Amino acid sequence: MNTENTKTLEELLKNYNPAPQEYDPEIDGGDEYLIRDQHLEEKERLKDVITKLKEKNRGDRKVRR
């Protein structure tokens, strides 16, 4: 192993403290899951709208797969 990398790693970890840190929702983005849920709900709503429009445009024609 290269001694330069070891010294650098030791210097980096010199002040390391493994104690748990406090969770702050404002800093850590505690409400991001709400934004994701809103996007998923909007996506489902838009999928329903598109499906209805396609069915309306299709009329009596059958869909070939």
PDB file of N, CA and C in Angstrom:
ATOM      1  N   MET A   1       0.845  -1.182   0.000  1.00  0.00           N
ATOM      2  CA  MET A   1       0.000   0.000   0.000  1.00  0.00           C
ATOM      3  C   MET A   1       0.892   1.247   0.000  1.00  0.00           C
ATOM      4  N   ASN A   2       0.438   2.254  -0.650  1.00  0.00           N
ATOM      5  CA  ASN A   2       1.207   3.480  -0.748  1.00  0.00           C
ATOM      6  C   ASN A   2       1.115   4.247   0.578  1.00  0.00           C
ATOM      7  N   THR A   3       2.248   4.668   1.114  1.00  0.00           N
ATOM      8  CA  THR A   3       2.259   5.360   2.410  1.00  0.00           C
ATOM      9  C   THR A   3       1.613   6.737   2.321  1.00  0.00           C
ATOM     10  N   GLU A   4       1.654   7.370   1.144  1.00  0.00           N
ATOM     11  CA  GLU A   4       1.009   8.679   0.986  1.00  0.00           C
ATOM     12  C   GLU A   4      -0.494   8.577   1.211  1.00  0.00           C
ATOM     13  N   ASN A   5      -1.116   7.561   0.622  1.00  0.00           N
ATOM     14  CA  ASN A   5      -2.556   7.385   0.782  1.00  0.00           C
ATOM     15  C   ASN A   5      -2.923   7.078   2.225  1.00  0.00           C
ATOM     16  N   THR A   6      -2.102   6.297   2.910  1.00  0.00           N
ATOM     17  CA  THR A   6      -2.375   5.960   4.297  1.00  0.00           C
ATOM     18  C   THR A   6      -2.315   7.207   5.168  1.00  0.00           C
ATOM     19  N   LYS A   7      -1.314   8.026   4.956  1.00  0.00           N
ATOM     20  CA  LYS A   7      -1.201   9.258   5.740  1.00  0.00           C
ATOM     21  C   LYS A   7      -2.389  10.165   5.467  1.00  0.00           C
ATOM     22  N   THR A   8      -2.770  10.269   4.221  1.00  0.00           N
ATOM     23  CA  THR A   8      -3.905  11.116   3.879  1.00  0.00           C
ATOM     24  C   THR A   8      -5.177  10.589   4.532  1.00  0.00           C
ATOM     25  N   LEU A   9      -5.368   9.287   4.506  1.00  0.00           N
ATOM     26  CA  LEU A   9      -6.549   8.692   5.119  1.00  0.00           C
ATOM     27  C   LEU A   9      -6.535   8.912   6.622  1.00  0.00           C
ATOM     28  N   GLU A  10      -5.393   8.753   7.252  1.00  0.00           N
ATOM     29  CA  GLU A  10      -5.290   8.990   8.697  1.00  0.00           C
ATOM     30  C   GLU A  10      -5.589  10.451   9.021  1.00  0.00           C
ATOM     31  N   GLU A  11      -5.115  11.358   8.191  1.00  0.00           N
ATOM     32  CA  GLU A  11      -5.400  12.774   8.420  1.00  0.00           C
ATOM     33  C   GLU A  11      -6.883  13.067   8.269  1.00  0.00           C
ATOM     34  N   LEU A  12      -7.505  12.446   7.273  1.00  0.00           N
ATOM     35  CA  LEU A  12      -8.934  12.668   7.057  1.00  0.00           C
ATOM     36  C   LEU A  12      -9.777  12.128   8.210  1.00  0.00           C
ATOM     37  N   LEU A  13      -9.370  11.004   8.757  1.00  0.00           N
ATOM     38  CA  LEU A  13     -10.152  10.374   9.815  1.00  0.00           C
ATOM     39  C   LEU A  13      -9.730  10.807  11.213  1.00  0.00           C
ATOM     40  N   LYS A  14      -8.795  11.744  11.297  1.00  0.00           N
ATOM     41  CA  LYS A  14      -8.290  12.187  12.595  1.00  0.00           C
ATOM     42  C   LYS A  14      -9.409  12.768  13.460  1.00  0.00           C
ATOM     43  N   ASN A  15     -10.299  13.559  12.887  1.00  0.00           N
ATOM     44  CA  ASN A  15     -11.370  14.217  13.649  1.00  0.00           C
ATOM     45  C   ASN A  15     -12.717  13.504  13.514  1.00  0.00           C
ATOM     46  N   TYR A  16     -12.702  12.263  13.052  1.00  0.00           N
ATOM     47  CA  TYR A  16     -13.952  11.515  12.848  1.00  0.00           C
ATOM     48  C   TYR A  16     -14.595  11.177  14.185  1.00  0.00           C
ATOM     49  N   ASN A  17     -15.879  11.439  14.284  1.00  0.00           N
ATOM     50  CA  ASN A  17     -16.637  11.128  15.488  1.00  0.00           C
ATOM     51  C   ASN A  17     -17.806  10.231  15.085  1.00  0.00           C
ATOM     52  N   PRO A  18     -17.812   8.956  15.481  1.00  0.00           N
ATOM     53  CA  PRO A  18     -18.858   8.029  15.045  1.00  0.00           C
ATOM     54  C   PRO A  18     -20.195   8.190  15.768  1.00  0.00           C
ATOM     55  N   ALA A  19     -20.318   9.165  16.647  1.00  0.00           N
ATOM     56  CA  ALA A  19     -21.569   9.362  17.379  1.00  0.00           C
ATOM     57  C   ALA A  19     -22.679   9.784  16.414  1.00  0.00           C
ATOM     58  N   PRO A  20     -23.921   9.315  16.642  1.00  0.00           N
ATOM     59  CA  PRO A  20     -25.038   9.707  15.770  1.00  0.00           C
ATOM     60  C   PRO A  20     -25.286  11.209  15.829  1.00  0.00           C
ATOM     61  N   GLN A  21     -25.645  11.752  14.673  1.00  0.00           N
ATOM     62  CA  GLN A  21     -25.948  13.175  14.608  1.00  0.00           C
ATOM     63  C   GLN A  21     -27.451  13.369  14.651  1.00  0.00           C
ATOM     64  N   GLU A  22     -27.854  14.565  15.019  1.00  0.00           N
ATOM     65  CA  GLU A  22     -29.272  14.873  15.135  1.00  0.00           C
ATOM     66  C   GLU A  22     -29.893  15.055  13.757  1.00  0.00           C
ATOM     67  N   TYR A  23     -31.124  14.600  13.610  1.00  0.00           N
ATOM     68  CA  TYR A  23     -31.856  14.707  12.356  1.00  0.00           C
ATOM     69  C   TYR A  23     -32.641  16.007  12.352  1.00  0.00           C
ATOM     70  N   ASP A  24     -32.445  16.802  11.320  1.00  0.00           N
ATOM     71  CA  ASP A  24     -33.172  18.057  11.165  1.00  0.00           C
ATOM     72  C   ASP A  24     -33.924  18.011   9.844  1.00  0.00           C
ATOM     73  N   PRO A  25     -35.255  17.901   9.872  1.00  0.00           N
ATOM     74  CA  PRO A  25     -36.029  17.768   8.633  1.00  0.00           C
ATOM     75  C   PRO A  25     -35.835  18.921   7.661  1.00  0.00           C
ATOM     76  N   GLU A  26     -35.611  20.128   8.162  1.00  0.00           N
ATOM     77  CA  GLU A  26     -35.438  21.276   7.263  1.00  0.00           C
ATOM     78  C   GLU A  26     -34.136  21.149   6.470  1.00  0.00           C
ATOM     79  N   ILE A  27     -33.083  20.687   7.122  1.00  0.00           N
ATOM     80  CA  ILE A  27     -31.791  20.547   6.453  1.00  0.00           C
ATOM     81  C   ILE A  27     -31.754  19.267   5.630  1.00  0.00           C
ATOM     82  N   ASP A  28     -32.292  18.183   6.180  1.00  0.00           N
ATOM     83  CA  ASP A  28     -32.176  16.867   5.555  1.00  0.00           C
ATOM     84  C   ASP A  28     -33.284  16.572   4.549  1.00  0.00           C
ATOM     85  N   GLY A  29     -34.177  17.500   4.316  1.00  0.00           N
ATOM     86  CA  GLY A  29     -35.225  17.302   3.316  1.00  0.00           C
ATOM     87  C   GLY A  29     -36.283  16.322   3.767  1.00  0.00           C
ATOM     88  N   GLY A  30     -36.828  16.533   4.951  1.00  0.00           N
ATOM     89  CA  GLY A  30     -37.800  15.607   5.519  1.00  0.00           C
ATOM     90  C   GLY A  30     -39.125  15.572   4.787  1.00  0.00           C
ATOM     91  N   ASP A  31     -39.423  16.556   3.960  1.00  0.00           N
ATOM     92  CA  ASP A  31     -40.714  16.573   3.267  1.00  0.00           C
ATOM     93  C   ASP A  31     -40.600  16.157   1.808  1.00  0.00           C
ATOM     94  N   GLU A  32     -39.454  15.627   1.394  1.00  0.00           N
ATOM     95  CA  GLU A  32     -39.282  15.230  -0.003  1.00  0.00           C
ATOM     96  C   GLU A  32     -40.219  14.093  -0.395  1.00  0.00           C
ATOM     97  N   TYR A  33     -40.538  13.204   0.552  1.00  0.00           N
ATOM     98  CA  TYR A  33     -41.442  12.116   0.234  1.00  0.00           C
ATOM     99  C   TYR A  33     -42.827  12.642  -0.118  1.00  0.00           C
ATOM    100  N   LEU A  34     -43.204  13.777   0.451  1.00  0.00           N
ATOM    101  CA  LEU A  34     -44.500  14.366   0.120  1.00  0.00           C
ATOM    102  C   LEU A  34     -44.523  14.827  -1.331  1.00  0.00           C
ATOM    103  N   ILE A  35     -43.432  15.414  -1.783  1.00  0.00           N
ATOM    104  CA  ILE A  35     -43.344  15.877  -3.163  1.00  0.00           C
ATOM    105  C   ILE A  35     -43.434  14.681  -4.104  1.00  0.00           C
ATOM    106  N   ARG A  36     -42.750  13.598  -3.758  1.00  0.00           N
ATOM    107  CA  ARG A  36     -42.772  12.384  -4.577  1.00  0.00           C
ATOM    108  C   ARG A  36     -44.193  11.828  -4.652  1.00  0.00           C
ATOM    109  N   ASP A  37     -44.888  11.783  -3.513  1.00  0.00           N
ATOM    110  CA  ASP A  37     -46.260  11.280  -3.502  1.00  0.00           C
ATOM    111  C   ASP A  37     -47.165  12.145  -4.365  1.00  0.00           C
ATOM    112  N   GLN A  38     -46.973  13.459  -4.321  1.00  0.00           N
ATOM    113  CA  GLN A  38     -47.783  14.356  -5.154  1.00  0.00           C
ATOM    114  C   GLN A  38     -47.536  14.084  -6.631  1.00  0.00           C
ATOM    115  N   HIS A  39     -46.287  13.860  -7.002  1.00  0.00           N
ATOM    116  CA  HIS A  39     -45.969  13.572  -8.405  1.00  0.00           C
ATOM    117  C   HIS A  39     -46.590  12.245  -8.843  1.00  0.00           C
ATOM    118  N   LEU A  40     -46.550  11.238  -7.977  1.00  0.00           N
ATOM    119  CA  LEU A  40     -47.128   9.939  -8.331  1.00  0.00           C
ATOM    120  C   LEU A  40     -48.649  10.027  -8.474  1.00  0.00           C
ATOM    121  N   GLU A  41     -49.290  10.791  -7.597  1.00  0.00           N
ATOM    122  CA  GLU A  41     -50.741  10.970  -7.694  1.00  0.00           C
ATOM    123  C   GLU A  41     -51.108  11.693  -8.991  1.00  0.00           C
ATOM    124  N   GLU A  42     -50.355  12.723  -9.331  1.00  0.00           N
ATOM    125  CA  GLU A  42     -50.609  13.473 -10.573  1.00  0.00           C
ATOM    126  C   GLU A  42     -50.386  12.572 -11.786  1.00  0.00           C
ATOM    127  N   LYS A  43     -49.365  11.731 -11.736  1.00  0.00           N
ATOM    128  CA  LYS A  43     -49.088  10.813 -12.833  1.00  0.00           C
ATOM    129  C   LYS A  43     -50.257   9.845 -13.030  1.00  0.00           C
ATOM    130  N   GLU A  44     -50.782   9.290 -11.951  1.00  0.00           N
ATOM    131  CA  GLU A  44     -51.929   8.378 -12.045  1.00  0.00           C
ATOM    132  C   GLU A  44     -53.147   9.100 -12.614  1.00  0.00           C
ATOM    133  N   ARG A  45     -53.371  10.326 -12.170  1.00  0.00           N
ATOM    134  CA  ARG A  45     -54.518  11.096 -12.656  1.00  0.00           C
ATOM    135  C   ARG A  45     -54.391  11.349 -14.157  1.00  0.00           C
ATOM    136  N   LEU A  46     -53.194  11.727 -14.595  1.00  0.00           N
ATOM    137  CA  LEU A  46     -52.977  11.999 -16.016  1.00  0.00           C
ATOM    138  C   LEU A  46     -53.077  10.728 -16.855  1.00  0.00           C
ATOM    139  N   LYS A  47     -52.646   9.592 -16.317  1.00  0.00           N
ATOM    140  CA  LYS A  47     -52.787   8.328 -17.039  1.00  0.00           C
ATOM    141  C   LYS A  47     -54.265   8.010 -17.268  1.00  0.00           C
ATOM    142  N   ASP A  48     -55.089   8.265 -16.246  1.00  0.00           N
ATOM    143  CA  ASP A  48     -56.528   8.031 -16.398  1.00  0.00           C
ATOM    144  C   ASP A  48     -57.125   8.944 -17.456  1.00  0.00           C
ATOM    145  N   VAL A  49     -56.715  10.213 -17.453  1.00  0.00           N
ATOM    146  CA  VAL A  49     -57.226  11.168 -18.446  1.00  0.00           C
ATOM    147  C   VAL A  49     -56.836  10.716 -19.849  1.00  0.00           C
ATOM    148  N   ILE A  50     -55.589  10.320 -20.031  1.00  0.00           N
ATOM    149  CA  ILE A  50     -55.125   9.887 -21.355  1.00  0.00           C
ATOM    150  C   ILE A  50     -55.857   8.625 -21.803  1.00  0.00           C
ATOM    151  N   THR A  51     -56.062   7.695 -20.883  1.00  0.00           N
ATOM    152  CA  THR A  51     -56.783   6.463 -21.223  1.00  0.00           C
ATOM    153  C   THR A  51     -58.200   6.772 -21.684  1.00  0.00           C
ATOM    154  N   LYS A  52     -58.880   7.662 -20.978  1.00  0.00           N
ATOM    155  CA  LYS A  52     -60.252   8.024 -21.362  1.00  0.00           C
ATOM    156  C   LYS A  52     -60.276   8.702 -22.728  1.00  0.00           C
ATOM    157  N   LEU A  53     -59.311   9.584 -22.983  1.00  0.00           N
ATOM    158  CA  LEU A  53     -59.268  10.261 -24.278  1.00  0.00           C
ATOM    159  C   LEU A  53     -58.993   9.268 -25.408  1.00  0.00           C
ATOM    160  N   LYS A  54     -58.116   8.300 -25.179  1.00  0.00           N
ATOM    161  CA  LYS A  54     -57.833   7.307 -26.205  1.00  0.00           C
ATOM    162  C   LYS A  54     -59.061   6.442 -26.477  1.00  0.00           C
ATOM    163  N   GLU A  55     -59.789   6.067 -25.417  1.00  0.00           N
ATOM    164  CA  GLU A  55     -61.004   5.280 -25.597  1.00  0.00           C
ATOM    165  C   GLU A  55     -62.042   6.074 -26.378  1.00  0.00           C
ATOM    166  N   LYS A  56     -62.136   7.365 -26.084  1.00  0.00           N
ATOM    167  CA  LYS A  56     -63.094   8.225 -26.776  1.00  0.00           C
ATOM    168  C   LYS A  56     -62.726   8.340 -28.258  1.00  0.00           C
ATOM    169  N   ASN A  57     -61.450   8.532 -28.566  1.00  0.00           N
ATOM    170  CA  ASN A  57     -61.011   8.651 -29.947  1.00  0.00           C
ATOM    171  C   ASN A  57     -61.150   7.337 -30.709  1.00  0.00           C
ATOM    172  N   ARG A  58     -60.990   6.235 -30.006  1.00  0.00           N
ATOM    173  CA  ARG A  58     -61.052   4.929 -30.646  1.00  0.00           C
ATOM    174  C   ARG A  58     -62.474   4.629 -31.123  1.00  0.00           C
ATOM    175  N   GLY A  59     -63.455   5.027 -30.350  1.00  0.00           N
ATOM    176  CA  GLY A  59     -64.849   4.780 -30.726  1.00  0.00           C
ATOM    177  C   GLY A  59     -65.160   3.299 -30.718  1.00  0.00           C
ATOM    178  N   ASP A  60     -65.731   2.791 -31.838  1.00  0.00           N
ATOM    179  CA  ASP A  60     -66.129   1.391 -31.931  1.00  0.00           C
ATOM    180  C   ASP A  60     -65.038   0.519 -32.532  1.00  0.00           C
ATOM    181  N   ARG A  61     -63.942   1.106 -32.940  1.00  0.00           N
ATOM    182  CA  ARG A  61     -62.878   0.321 -33.566  1.00  0.00           C
ATOM    183  C   ARG A  61     -62.222  -0.577 -32.534  1.00  0.00           C
ATOM    184  N   LYS A  62     -61.778  -1.732 -32.990  1.00  0.00           N
ATOM    185  CA  LYS A  62     -61.089  -2.655 -32.103  1.00  0.00           C
ATOM    186  C   LYS A  62     -59.591  -2.392 -32.159  1.00  0.00           C
ATOM    187  N   VAL A  63     -58.933  -2.683 -31.081  1.00  0.00           N
ATOM    188  CA  VAL A  63     -57.504  -2.480 -30.997  1.00  0.00           C
ATOM    189  C   VAL A  63     -56.812  -3.794 -31.357  1.00  0.00           C
ATOM    190  N   ARG A  64     -55.874  -3.703 -32.329  1.00  0.00           N
ATOM    191  CA  ARG A  64     -55.096  -4.885 -32.703  1.00  0.00           C
ATOM    192  C   ARG A  64     -53.794  -4.879 -31.943  1.00  0.00           C
ATOM    193  N   ARG A  65     -53.440  -6.052 -31.466  1.00  0.00           N
ATOM    194  CA  ARG A  65     -52.159  -6.162 -30.746  1.00  0.00           C
ATOM    195  C   ARG A  65     -51.297  -7.185 -31.400  1.00  0.00           C
TER     196      ARG A  65
END
